[in-house]
Amino acid sequence: MSTPSDCILVRAGDVVPQLWLNGGGETRTLLSIPADVDWTLRISLACIEKNGPFSAYPGVERWFAVVEGAGVRLSFPNGEVLVKLGDPPICFDGEAGPDCCLIGGPTQDLNLMTRGGAGTISLAEANSSWQEPFARRGFFATSSGRFHFGVNNDGGARPNRNTLILEAFSLLWDFGSTECWFEPDDGGNAGFWLGYSN
């Protein structure tokens, strides 16, 4: 069973942001595998400050979720999609490079991009476990709280657990296949589960 010491923990505040060439925002790369331009998996947190087109990523599957702010309107050739805070993440072809219009001011979003393999981002409910069958799994916290590793036995009791304290906007990566769940300090907002298999 994986333990907290086996995981990768990245705090967004510790990552130097990279300004976009078009001046529309900035991106913090939280995880890149491998750690170069030929990545097969990239997880990032972006702050969108102005309307404008997304960069195109041919051959990339892109997952997108709003983590702070009112949200965005994305324009694709086949129509528009609204993505607001609290909405399920969306998945689209990275080559599309949709136009992005802010709904109500700057917005932060979580991105998971893959070249080959399969990835996902899904909303996490507070204190609810996630055991999807991905080879590598992660959690992005949108509020501070406690991330628990353990085994669910005896009608809901969770013995033998390990716990990590997470700050808001932290990524925890590669915690194995054991049952896990997040207990947010505010009792409501939790974050997002992430998965990847190549």
Protein backbone atom coordinates (compact mmCIF):
# COMPACT_ATOMS: atom_id res chain seq x y z
CA MET A 1 0.00 0.00 0.00
CA SER A 2 1.25 3.48 -0.85
CA THR A 3 1.98 5.80 2.03
CA PRO A 4 2.20 9.61 2.14
CA SER A 5 5.99 9.46 1.90
CA ASP A 6 5.73 7.71 -1.49
CA CYS A 7 3.75 10.52 -3.12
CA ILE A 8 4.66 13.66 -5.01
CA LEU A 9 3.30 16.83 -3.38
CA VAL A 10 3.35 20.11 -5.30
CA ARG A 11 2.03 23.39 -3.90
CA ALA A 12 0.99 25.82 -6.62
CA GLY A 13 2.41 28.73 -4.66
CA ASP A 14 5.88 27.15 -4.82
CA VAL A 15 5.85 26.97 -8.65
CA VAL A 16 7.11 29.97 -10.64
CA PRO A 17 4.43 31.07 -13.14
CA GLN A 18 5.22 31.35 -16.84
CA LEU A 19 3.65 34.31 -18.65
CA TRP A 20 1.76 33.58 -21.86
CA LEU A 21 3.23 35.02 -25.06
CA ASN A 22 -0.10 36.71 -25.85
CA GLY A 23 -0.19 38.41 -22.44
CA GLY A 24 -3.53 36.85 -21.56
CA GLY A 25 -2.46 35.02 -18.44
CA GLU A 26 0.08 32.74 -16.81
CA THR A 27 0.58 29.03 -16.19
CA ARG A 28 2.14 27.05 -13.35
CA THR A 29 3.25 23.58 -14.45
CA LEU A 30 2.57 21.35 -11.45
CA LEU A 31 3.73 18.08 -13.01
CA SER A 32 5.32 17.04 -16.30
CA ILE A 33 6.22 13.45 -17.22
CA PRO A 34 8.87 13.36 -18.53
CA ALA A 35 10.03 16.77 -17.36
CA ASP A 36 10.77 18.22 -20.80
CA VAL A 37 9.01 19.44 -23.94
CA ASP A 38 8.26 15.86 -25.04
CA TRP A 39 5.93 15.18 -22.09
CA THR A 40 3.26 12.50 -22.28
CA LEU A 41 1.44 13.89 -19.22
CA ARG A 42 1.25 17.51 -18.10
CA ILE A 43 -0.80 18.93 -15.21
CA SER A 44 -0.97 22.69 -14.84
CA LEU A 45 -2.80 25.52 -13.13
CA ALA A 46 -3.52 28.54 -15.31
CA CYS A 47 -4.76 32.02 -14.49
CA ILE A 48 -6.75 33.47 -17.40
CA GLU A 49 -6.76 37.27 -17.19
CA LYS A 50 -7.96 38.34 -20.65
CA ASN A 51 -10.17 37.02 -23.44
CA GLY A 52 -8.35 35.26 -26.26
CA PRO A 53 -7.65 31.93 -27.95
CA PHE A 54 -6.17 28.90 -26.21
CA SER A 55 -2.91 27.56 -27.57
CA ALA A 56 -3.35 24.61 -29.92
CA TYR A 57 -1.83 21.24 -28.90
CA PRO A 58 -2.05 18.83 -31.84
CA GLY A 59 -2.18 15.16 -30.78
CA VAL A 60 -3.12 16.06 -27.21
CA GLU A 61 -6.22 15.18 -25.19
CA ARG A 62 -7.04 18.05 -22.85
CA TRP A 63 -9.10 18.06 -19.65
CA PHE A 64 -10.16 21.44 -18.28
CA ALA A 65 -11.80 22.47 -14.98
CA VAL A 66 -12.45 25.85 -13.35
CA VAL A 67 -11.06 26.00 -9.80
CA GLU A 68 -11.52 29.70 -8.99
CA GLY A 69 -13.48 32.59 -10.47
CA ALA A 70 -16.78 32.79 -12.38
CA GLY A 71 -15.66 30.64 -15.32
CA VAL A 72 -15.29 30.88 -19.09
CA ARG A 73 -17.13 30.51 -22.37
CA LEU A 74 -15.18 28.37 -24.83
CA SER A 75 -16.02 28.65 -28.54
CA PHE A 76 -15.50 25.55 -30.68
CA PRO A 77 -16.36 25.06 -34.39
CA ASN A 78 -19.47 23.11 -33.35
CA GLY A 79 -20.67 25.54 -30.68
CA GLU A 80 -19.96 27.15 -27.31
CA VAL A 81 -19.43 25.53 -23.93
CA LEU A 82 -19.78 27.31 -20.58
CA VAL A 83 -17.49 26.02 -17.84
CA LYS A 84 -18.18 27.53 -14.42
CA LEU A 85 -16.92 26.98 -10.91
CA GLY A 86 -18.49 23.77 -9.61
CA ASP A 87 -19.17 22.35 -13.09
CA PRO A 88 -17.80 18.95 -14.11
CA PRO A 89 -14.54 19.16 -16.08
CA ILE A 90 -14.69 18.98 -19.85
CA CYS A 91 -12.47 17.07 -22.28
CA PHE A 92 -11.59 18.20 -25.79
CA ASP A 93 -9.05 17.79 -28.59
CA GLY A 94 -6.09 20.00 -27.76
CA GLU A 95 -5.67 20.88 -31.43
CA ALA A 96 -8.98 22.78 -31.29
CA GLY A 97 -7.49 25.81 -29.48
CA PRO A 98 -10.91 27.34 -28.70
CA ASP A 99 -11.51 31.04 -28.20
CA CYS A 100 -11.97 31.82 -24.51
CA CYS A 101 -14.19 34.57 -23.07
CA LEU A 102 -14.19 35.30 -19.35
CA ILE A 103 -17.64 35.30 -17.75
CA GLY A 104 -16.84 37.64 -14.87
CA GLY A 105 -13.19 38.49 -14.39
CA PRO A 106 -10.00 36.44 -14.04
CA THR A 107 -10.42 32.68 -13.68
CA GLN A 108 -8.07 29.91 -12.56
CA ASP A 109 -8.33 26.54 -14.21
CA LEU A 110 -6.81 23.08 -13.83
CA ASN A 111 -5.54 21.33 -16.95
CA LEU A 112 -4.55 17.72 -17.54
CA MET A 113 -3.07 17.02 -20.98
CA THR A 114 -1.94 13.69 -22.38
CA ARG A 115 -0.08 12.56 -25.49
CA GLY A 116 -1.21 8.96 -25.77
CA GLY A 117 -2.76 6.93 -23.00
CA ALA A 118 -5.92 7.92 -21.16
CA GLY A 119 -6.48 10.62 -18.59
CA THR A 120 -9.29 12.12 -16.53
CA ILE A 121 -10.27 14.89 -14.14
CA SER A 122 -13.42 14.48 -12.06
CA LEU A 123 -15.06 16.45 -9.25
CA ALA A 124 -14.28 15.14 -5.77
CA GLU A 125 -16.93 15.08 -3.08
CA ALA A 126 -15.85 15.73 0.50
CA ASN A 127 -15.12 12.53 2.48
CA SER A 128 -15.96 10.27 -0.50
CA SER A 129 -13.43 7.74 -1.70
CA TRP A 130 -12.20 7.34 -5.27
CA GLN A 131 -10.91 4.04 -6.65
CA GLU A 132 -10.97 4.41 -10.43
CA PRO A 133 -8.64 1.92 -12.17
CA PHE A 134 -5.94 4.28 -13.44
CA ALA A 135 -2.29 3.29 -13.19
CA ARG A 136 -1.39 6.68 -11.74
CA ARG A 137 -3.75 8.77 -9.65
CA GLY A 138 -3.75 12.23 -8.17
CA PHE A 139 -5.76 14.76 -6.22
CA PHE A 140 -5.90 18.55 -6.54
CA ALA A 141 -7.21 20.33 -3.45
CA THR A 142 -9.23 23.51 -3.91
CA SER A 143 -9.38 24.07 -0.15
CA SER A 144 -7.14 23.12 2.74
CA GLY A 145 -7.81 19.85 4.53
CA ARG A 146 -6.71 16.32 5.31
CA PHE A 147 -6.06 13.66 2.70
CA HIS A 148 -6.56 10.16 4.11
CA PHE A 149 -5.15 6.84 2.89
CA GLY A 150 -6.77 3.70 4.27
CA VAL A 151 -8.96 0.63 3.88
CA ASN A 152 -12.71 0.78 4.23
CA ASN A 153 -13.86 -2.03 6.56
CA ASP A 154 -16.64 -2.80 9.05
CA GLY A 155 -19.46 -0.83 7.54
CA GLY A 156 -17.58 2.38 6.90
CA ALA A 157 -14.84 2.39 9.54
CA ARG A 158 -11.51 3.26 7.99
CA PRO A 159 -8.66 1.80 10.08
CA ASN A 160 -4.94 1.83 9.34
CA ARG A 161 -5.11 5.23 7.79
CA ASN A 162 -2.35 7.66 7.01
CA THR A 163 -3.05 11.36 6.69
CA LEU A 164 -1.46 14.29 4.88
CA ILE A 165 -2.33 17.92 5.52
CA LEU A 166 -2.90 19.68 2.20
CA GLU A 167 -2.95 23.40 1.53
CA ALA A 168 -5.46 24.84 -0.93
CA PHE A 169 -4.22 24.57 -4.52
CA SER A 170 -1.93 21.60 -3.87
CA LEU A 171 -1.43 18.59 -6.12
CA LEU A 172 -0.85 15.16 -4.61
CA TRP A 173 0.29 12.60 -7.19
CA ASP A 174 0.91 8.84 -7.34
CA PHE A 175 -0.77 7.54 -4.19
CA GLY A 176 -1.39 4.08 -5.62
CA SER A 177 -4.60 2.08 -5.73
CA THR A 178 -5.51 2.13 -2.05
CA GLU A 179 -8.75 3.76 -0.96
CA CYS A 180 -8.37 7.47 -0.24
CA TRP A 181 -10.57 10.46 0.48
CA PHE A 182 -10.31 14.15 1.30
CA GLU A 183 -11.69 15.91 4.36
CA PRO A 184 -11.83 19.68 3.60
CA ASP A 185 -11.48 22.16 6.43
CA ASP A 186 -14.47 24.18 5.26
CA GLY A 187 -16.70 21.10 5.17
CA GLY A 188 -17.78 21.73 1.61
CA ASN A 189 -15.36 22.31 -1.24
CA ALA A 190 -12.96 19.46 -1.90
CA GLY A 191 -11.17 19.41 -5.24
CA PHE A 192 -10.59 17.11 -8.19
CA TRP A 193 -9.45 13.53 -8.76
CA LEU A 194 -6.97 12.99 -11.58
CA GLY A 195 -6.00 9.76 -13.32
CA TYR A 196 -3.64 8.64 -16.06
CA SER A 197 -2.77 5.32 -17.71
CA ASN A 198 -0.42 4.96 -20.67
